[in-house]
Amino acid sequence: MTHPLISRLNTEFGWPNLKEMTEVVAFTDAPGVHVLFVPGDAKRNLETPDVAVILPELRMAFQGRFDCAVVDDAVEEAVRDAAKVFKTPSLIFYRDGEMIGAIPKVRDWSEYVERITQIMALPVAAE
């Protein structure tokens, strides 16, 4: 059963719950900056609900400059392996299909703002 604060991201905010790798690829390949929220096991990891509350606030603080989706348990391991980000909860950032950064575990607000600002400023990789 999904933690209520994670379910809220889908129901209240309308963020997609990505259950197949094809959905993950379609979401991250779209133009713009995208964040995959990889929650991990909310029962074992007490940081997961915290990040589920913080992420919508971060999106507002950055004035919607990125969109967000929740990675379902069904593809979580594949997403973590592909991104080489193994700690959860994690926020994995993509721009136009390329991973541009990640923030594992819960952080202080100021660290989130600093790291997201740095990630968003990274140039797109050359083709």
N, C-alpha and C. Protein backbone atom coordinates (compact mmCIF):
# COMPACT_ATOMS: atom_id res chain seq x y z
N MET A 1 0.83 -1.18 0.00
CA MET A 1 0.00 0.00 0.00
C MET A 1 0.88 1.25 0.00
N THR A 2 0.54 2.19 -0.84
CA THR A 2 1.31 3.41 -0.98
C THR A 2 1.03 4.35 0.18
N HIS A 3 2.07 5.01 0.65
CA HIS A 3 1.94 5.97 1.74
C HIS A 3 1.01 7.11 1.28
N PRO A 4 0.13 7.60 2.17
CA PRO A 4 -0.83 8.65 1.78
C PRO A 4 -0.16 9.92 1.24
N LEU A 5 1.02 10.27 1.75
CA LEU A 5 1.68 11.48 1.26
C LEU A 5 2.25 11.29 -0.14
N ILE A 6 2.54 10.05 -0.51
CA ILE A 6 2.98 9.77 -1.88
C ILE A 6 1.76 9.74 -2.80
N SER A 7 0.68 9.10 -2.35
CA SER A 7 -0.56 9.06 -3.14
C SER A 7 -1.07 10.47 -3.43
N ARG A 8 -0.88 11.37 -2.47
CA ARG A 8 -1.32 12.76 -2.62
C ARG A 8 -0.66 13.43 -3.83
N LEU A 9 0.57 13.05 -4.13
CA LEU A 9 1.26 13.63 -5.29
C LEU A 9 0.52 13.31 -6.58
N ASN A 10 -0.06 12.12 -6.64
CA ASN A 10 -0.83 11.72 -7.83
C ASN A 10 -2.24 12.29 -7.82
N THR A 11 -2.90 12.22 -6.66
CA THR A 11 -4.30 12.62 -6.61
C THR A 11 -4.49 14.12 -6.52
N GLU A 12 -3.77 14.77 -5.61
CA GLU A 12 -3.96 16.21 -5.41
C GLU A 12 -3.21 17.06 -6.44
N PHE A 13 -2.00 16.64 -6.79
CA PHE A 13 -1.18 17.43 -7.70
C PHE A 13 -1.26 16.94 -9.14
N GLY A 14 -1.80 15.73 -9.34
CA GLY A 14 -1.94 15.20 -10.69
C GLY A 14 -0.65 14.72 -11.33
N TRP A 15 0.36 14.46 -10.50
CA TRP A 15 1.62 13.97 -11.05
C TRP A 15 1.46 12.52 -11.48
N PRO A 16 2.04 12.14 -12.60
CA PRO A 16 1.91 10.74 -13.05
C PRO A 16 2.64 9.78 -12.12
N ASN A 17 2.09 8.59 -12.02
CA ASN A 17 2.73 7.47 -11.32
C ASN A 17 3.25 6.55 -12.41
N LEU A 18 4.55 6.53 -12.60
CA LEU A 18 5.16 5.80 -13.71
C LEU A 18 5.37 4.34 -13.33
N LYS A 19 4.63 3.45 -14.01
CA LYS A 19 4.64 2.03 -13.65
C LYS A 19 5.42 1.16 -14.63
N GLU A 20 5.80 1.73 -15.77
CA GLU A 20 6.55 0.98 -16.79
C GLU A 20 7.69 1.84 -17.28
N MET A 21 8.78 1.18 -17.70
CA MET A 21 9.93 1.94 -18.18
C MET A 21 9.59 2.77 -19.42
N THR A 22 8.63 2.32 -20.22
CA THR A 22 8.24 3.12 -21.38
C THR A 22 7.64 4.46 -20.93
N GLU A 23 6.92 4.45 -19.81
CA GLU A 23 6.36 5.69 -19.26
C GLU A 23 7.47 6.59 -18.72
N VAL A 24 8.46 5.99 -18.09
CA VAL A 24 9.60 6.76 -17.56
C VAL A 24 10.32 7.45 -18.71
N VAL A 25 10.59 6.70 -19.77
CA VAL A 25 11.30 7.26 -20.93
C VAL A 25 10.48 8.37 -21.58
N ALA A 26 9.19 8.14 -21.76
CA ALA A 26 8.34 9.16 -22.39
C ALA A 26 8.32 10.43 -21.54
N PHE A 27 8.25 10.28 -20.23
CA PHE A 27 8.21 11.44 -19.33
C PHE A 27 9.53 12.21 -19.37
N THR A 28 10.65 11.50 -19.27
CA THR A 28 11.94 12.18 -19.20
C THR A 28 12.42 12.67 -20.56
N ASP A 29 11.93 12.08 -21.65
CA ASP A 29 12.32 12.51 -23.00
C ASP A 29 11.59 13.77 -23.47
N ALA A 30 10.50 14.11 -22.83
CA ALA A 30 9.75 15.30 -23.24
C ALA A 30 10.63 16.54 -23.06
N PRO A 31 10.40 17.58 -23.86
CA PRO A 31 11.18 18.80 -23.71
C PRO A 31 11.03 19.38 -22.31
N GLY A 32 12.12 19.96 -21.80
CA GLY A 32 12.08 20.60 -20.50
C GLY A 32 12.81 19.81 -19.42
N VAL A 33 12.63 20.26 -18.19
CA VAL A 33 13.28 19.63 -17.04
C VAL A 33 12.24 18.84 -16.27
N HIS A 34 12.61 17.63 -15.89
CA HIS A 34 11.70 16.71 -15.22
C HIS A 34 12.38 16.10 -14.00
N VAL A 35 11.60 15.87 -12.96
CA VAL A 35 12.11 15.25 -11.74
C VAL A 35 11.36 13.95 -11.50
N LEU A 36 12.12 12.88 -11.35
CA LEU A 36 11.54 11.60 -10.94
C LEU A 36 11.73 11.49 -9.42
N PHE A 37 10.63 11.32 -8.72
CA PHE A 37 10.69 11.06 -7.28
C PHE A 37 10.70 9.55 -7.09
N VAL A 38 11.83 9.04 -6.60
CA VAL A 38 11.99 7.62 -6.32
C VAL A 38 11.83 7.45 -4.81
N PRO A 39 10.63 7.05 -4.37
CA PRO A 39 10.35 7.08 -2.93
C PRO A 39 11.02 5.99 -2.11
N GLY A 40 11.23 4.82 -2.68
CA GLY A 40 11.70 3.72 -1.84
C GLY A 40 10.57 3.21 -0.97
N ASP A 41 10.90 2.45 0.03
CA ASP A 41 9.92 1.86 0.93
C ASP A 41 9.60 2.82 2.07
N ALA A 42 8.43 3.44 2.01
CA ALA A 42 8.06 4.45 3.02
C ALA A 42 7.90 3.84 4.41
N LYS A 43 7.65 2.55 4.49
CA LYS A 43 7.51 1.91 5.81
C LYS A 43 8.87 1.77 6.49
N ARG A 44 9.90 1.52 5.71
CA ARG A 44 11.23 1.33 6.27
C ARG A 44 12.05 2.62 6.29
N ASN A 45 11.74 3.53 5.38
CA ASN A 45 12.52 4.76 5.26
C ASN A 45 11.67 5.95 5.68
N LEU A 46 11.94 6.46 6.85
CA LEU A 46 11.14 7.55 7.40
C LEU A 46 11.36 8.88 6.68
N GLU A 47 12.38 8.98 5.82
CA GLU A 47 12.62 10.19 5.06
C GLU A 47 11.68 10.32 3.86
N THR A 48 11.13 9.21 3.39
CA THR A 48 10.30 9.23 2.19
C THR A 48 9.09 10.16 2.32
N PRO A 49 8.30 10.08 3.39
CA PRO A 49 7.17 11.02 3.50
C PRO A 49 7.63 12.48 3.56
N ASP A 50 8.79 12.73 4.17
CA ASP A 50 9.30 14.10 4.23
C ASP A 50 9.56 14.65 2.83
N VAL A 51 10.21 13.86 2.00
CA VAL A 51 10.52 14.31 0.63
C VAL A 51 9.22 14.47 -0.17
N ALA A 52 8.24 13.62 0.10
CA ALA A 52 6.94 13.74 -0.58
C ALA A 52 6.25 15.05 -0.25
N VAL A 53 6.51 15.60 0.92
CA VAL A 53 5.95 16.89 1.31
C VAL A 53 6.80 18.04 0.76
N ILE A 54 8.09 17.87 0.76
CA ILE A 54 9.02 18.92 0.34
C ILE A 54 8.98 19.16 -1.17
N LEU A 55 8.87 18.11 -1.97
CA LEU A 55 8.98 18.26 -3.43
C LEU A 55 7.95 19.23 -4.02
N PRO A 56 6.68 19.16 -3.66
CA PRO A 56 5.74 20.16 -4.22
C PRO A 56 6.12 21.59 -3.83
N GLU A 57 6.66 21.76 -2.63
CA GLU A 57 7.10 23.08 -2.18
C GLU A 57 8.30 23.56 -3.01
N LEU A 58 9.20 22.64 -3.32
CA LEU A 58 10.34 22.99 -4.16
C LEU A 58 9.89 23.39 -5.56
N ARG A 59 8.93 22.65 -6.09
CA ARG A 59 8.42 22.97 -7.43
C ARG A 59 7.83 24.37 -7.44
N MET A 60 7.10 24.72 -6.40
CA MET A 60 6.53 26.08 -6.30
C MET A 60 7.64 27.11 -6.15
N ALA A 61 8.64 26.82 -5.33
CA ALA A 61 9.74 27.77 -5.12
C ALA A 61 10.49 28.04 -6.42
N PHE A 62 10.57 27.04 -7.28
CA PHE A 62 11.23 27.20 -8.58
C PHE A 62 10.23 27.57 -9.68
N GLN A 63 9.06 28.01 -9.27
CA GLN A 63 8.03 28.55 -10.16
C GLN A 63 7.70 27.61 -11.31
N GLY A 64 7.62 26.31 -11.00
CA GLY A 64 7.21 25.32 -12.00
C GLY A 64 8.20 25.12 -13.12
N ARG A 65 9.48 25.43 -12.88
CA ARG A 65 10.49 25.27 -13.94
C ARG A 65 10.81 23.80 -14.22
N PHE A 66 10.26 22.90 -13.43
CA PHE A 66 10.37 21.46 -13.70
C PHE A 66 9.04 20.82 -13.36
N ASP A 67 8.79 19.70 -14.02
CA ASP A 67 7.61 18.93 -13.66
C ASP A 67 8.06 17.66 -12.95
N CYS A 68 7.11 16.97 -12.32
CA CYS A 68 7.45 15.86 -11.44
C CYS A 68 6.59 14.65 -11.72
N ALA A 69 7.15 13.49 -11.44
CA ALA A 69 6.43 12.23 -11.51
C ALA A 69 6.94 11.33 -10.40
N VAL A 70 6.11 10.38 -10.01
CA VAL A 70 6.46 9.41 -8.98
C VAL A 70 6.81 8.09 -9.66
N VAL A 71 7.93 7.52 -9.28
CA VAL A 71 8.34 6.23 -9.82
C VAL A 71 7.70 5.13 -8.99
N ASP A 72 6.95 4.27 -9.64
CA ASP A 72 6.25 3.17 -8.98
C ASP A 72 7.23 2.07 -8.56
N ASP A 73 6.84 1.31 -7.55
CA ASP A 73 7.65 0.17 -7.10
C ASP A 73 8.02 -0.77 -8.24
N ALA A 74 7.13 -0.92 -9.22
CA ALA A 74 7.33 -1.87 -10.31
C ALA A 74 8.59 -1.57 -11.13
N VAL A 75 8.99 -0.30 -11.22
CA VAL A 75 10.15 0.06 -12.04
C VAL A 75 11.25 0.77 -11.25
N GLU A 76 11.05 0.88 -9.95
CA GLU A 76 11.99 1.64 -9.13
C GLU A 76 13.42 1.12 -9.27
N GLU A 77 13.62 -0.17 -9.18
CA GLU A 77 14.97 -0.72 -9.26
C GLU A 77 15.61 -0.42 -10.61
N ALA A 78 14.85 -0.56 -11.68
CA ALA A 78 15.38 -0.28 -13.02
C ALA A 78 15.76 1.19 -13.17
N VAL A 79 14.95 2.08 -12.63
CA VAL A 79 15.24 3.52 -12.69
C VAL A 79 16.50 3.83 -11.88
N ARG A 80 16.60 3.28 -10.69
CA ARG A 80 17.79 3.52 -9.86
C ARG A 80 19.05 2.98 -10.53
N ASP A 81 18.95 1.78 -11.12
CA ASP A 81 20.10 1.20 -11.82
C ASP A 81 20.52 2.05 -13.02
N ALA A 82 19.56 2.49 -13.81
CA ALA A 82 19.86 3.29 -15.00
C ALA A 82 20.50 4.63 -14.62
N ALA A 83 20.04 5.23 -13.53
CA ALA A 83 20.55 6.54 -13.12
C ALA A 83 21.79 6.42 -12.23
N LYS A 84 22.08 5.22 -11.75
CA LYS A 84 23.18 5.00 -10.80
C LYS A 84 22.97 5.80 -9.51
N VAL A 85 21.72 5.90 -9.11
CA VAL A 85 21.34 6.57 -7.86
C VAL A 85 20.64 5.52 -7.02
N PHE A 86 21.31 5.02 -6.01
CA PHE A 86 20.81 3.85 -5.31
C PHE A 86 20.15 4.15 -3.97
N LYS A 87 20.39 5.32 -3.41
CA LYS A 87 19.76 5.66 -2.13
C LYS A 87 18.37 6.23 -2.37
N THR A 88 17.47 5.92 -1.44
CA THR A 88 16.12 6.46 -1.52
C THR A 88 15.77 7.10 -0.20
N PRO A 89 14.88 8.06 -0.23
CA PRO A 89 14.22 8.62 -1.40
C PRO A 89 15.21 9.46 -2.21
N SER A 90 14.94 9.56 -3.51
CA SER A 90 15.80 10.34 -4.38
C SER A 90 14.98 11.18 -5.33
N LEU A 91 15.54 12.32 -5.69
CA LEU A 91 15.01 13.16 -6.75
C LEU A 91 16.03 13.09 -7.87
N ILE A 92 15.60 12.60 -9.04
CA ILE A 92 16.50 12.46 -10.18
C ILE A 92 16.02 13.42 -11.26
N PHE A 93 16.93 14.30 -11.69
CA PHE A 93 16.60 15.37 -12.63
C PHE A 93 17.02 15.00 -14.05
N TYR A 94 16.14 15.29 -15.01
CA TYR A 94 16.40 15.04 -16.43
C TYR A 94 16.08 16.31 -17.21
N ARG A 95 16.83 16.52 -18.28
CA ARG A 95 16.50 17.58 -19.22
C ARG A 95 16.56 16.95 -20.61
N ASP A 96 15.45 17.02 -21.31
CA ASP A 96 15.37 16.53 -22.68
C ASP A 96 15.93 15.12 -22.82
N GLY A 97 15.60 14.25 -21.87
CA GLY A 97 15.98 12.85 -21.94
C GLY A 97 17.31 12.50 -21.32
N GLU A 98 18.08 13.49 -20.89
CA GLU A 98 19.39 13.23 -20.29
C GLU A 98 19.34 13.50 -18.79
N MET A 99 19.89 12.57 -18.00
CA MET A 99 19.97 12.81 -16.57
C MET A 99 20.97 13.94 -16.33
N ILE A 100 20.57 14.93 -15.53
CA ILE A 100 21.47 16.06 -15.27
C ILE A 100 21.86 16.16 -13.79
N GLY A 101 21.28 15.34 -12.93
CA GLY A 101 21.66 15.38 -11.53
C GLY A 101 20.68 14.63 -10.66
N ALA A 102 21.07 14.46 -9.41
CA ALA A 102 20.21 13.75 -8.45
C ALA A 102 20.49 14.26 -7.05
N ILE A 103 19.47 14.18 -6.23
CA ILE A 103 19.60 14.52 -4.82
C ILE A 103 19.01 13.35 -4.02
N PRO A 104 19.88 12.49 -3.50
CA PRO A 104 19.39 11.38 -2.67
C PRO A 104 19.16 11.82 -1.23
N LYS A 105 18.24 11.15 -0.57
CA LYS A 105 17.95 11.35 0.85
C LYS A 105 17.31 12.72 1.08
N VAL A 106 16.84 12.95 2.29
CA VAL A 106 16.24 14.23 2.65
C VAL A 106 17.36 15.23 2.97
N ARG A 107 17.12 16.50 2.62
CA ARG A 107 18.12 17.55 2.83
C ARG A 107 17.48 18.75 3.51
N ASP A 108 18.30 19.67 3.97
CA ASP A 108 17.80 20.95 4.46
C ASP A 108 17.29 21.75 3.27
N TRP A 109 16.33 22.64 3.53
CA TRP A 109 15.75 23.45 2.46
C TRP A 109 16.83 24.20 1.67
N SER A 110 17.76 24.83 2.38
CA SER A 110 18.79 25.62 1.72
C SER A 110 19.66 24.75 0.81
N GLU A 111 19.93 23.53 1.23
CA GLU A 111 20.72 22.62 0.39
C GLU A 111 19.94 22.22 -0.85
N TYR A 112 18.64 21.94 -0.69
CA TYR A 112 17.81 21.64 -1.86
C TYR A 112 17.86 22.80 -2.86
N VAL A 113 17.65 24.01 -2.37
CA VAL A 113 17.62 25.18 -3.26
C VAL A 113 18.96 25.34 -3.97
N GLU A 114 20.04 25.21 -3.22
CA GLU A 114 21.38 25.35 -3.82
C GLU A 114 21.64 24.27 -4.86
N ARG A 115 21.35 23.03 -4.52
CA ARG A 115 21.64 21.93 -5.44
C ARG A 115 20.75 21.98 -6.68
N ILE A 116 19.48 22.30 -6.50
CA ILE A 116 18.58 22.38 -7.66
C ILE A 116 18.99 23.53 -8.56
N THR A 117 19.38 24.65 -7.99
CA THR A 117 19.86 25.78 -8.79
C THR A 117 21.07 25.36 -9.62
N GLN A 118 22.00 24.64 -9.00
CA GLN A 118 23.18 24.15 -9.73
C GLN A 118 22.78 23.18 -10.84
N ILE A 119 21.91 22.25 -10.52
CA ILE A 119 21.48 21.24 -11.52
C ILE A 119 20.78 21.92 -12.70
N MET A 120 19.91 22.87 -12.40
CA MET A 120 19.15 23.55 -13.46
C MET A 120 20.07 24.38 -14.35
N ALA A 121 21.20 24.82 -13.82
CA ALA A 121 22.13 25.67 -14.59
C ALA A 121 23.07 24.85 -15.47
N LEU A 122 23.10 23.55 -15.29
CA LEU A 122 24.00 22.73 -16.09
C LEU A 122 23.63 22.80 -17.56
N PRO A 123 24.63 22.86 -18.44
CA PRO A 123 24.33 22.90 -19.87
C PRO A 123 23.83 21.54 -20.36
N VAL A 124 23.09 21.59 -21.45
CA VAL A 124 22.66 20.34 -22.09
C VAL A 124 23.88 19.70 -22.73
N ALA A 125 24.02 18.40 -22.59
CA ALA A 125 25.15 17.70 -23.19
C ALA A 125 25.14 17.86 -24.70
N ALA A 126 26.32 17.98 -25.27
CA ALA A 126 26.43 18.11 -26.73
C ALA A 126 26.05 16.81 -27.41
N GLU A 127 25.44 16.94 -28.54
CA GLU A 127 25.00 15.75 -29.29
C GLU A 127 26.20 15.09 -29.95
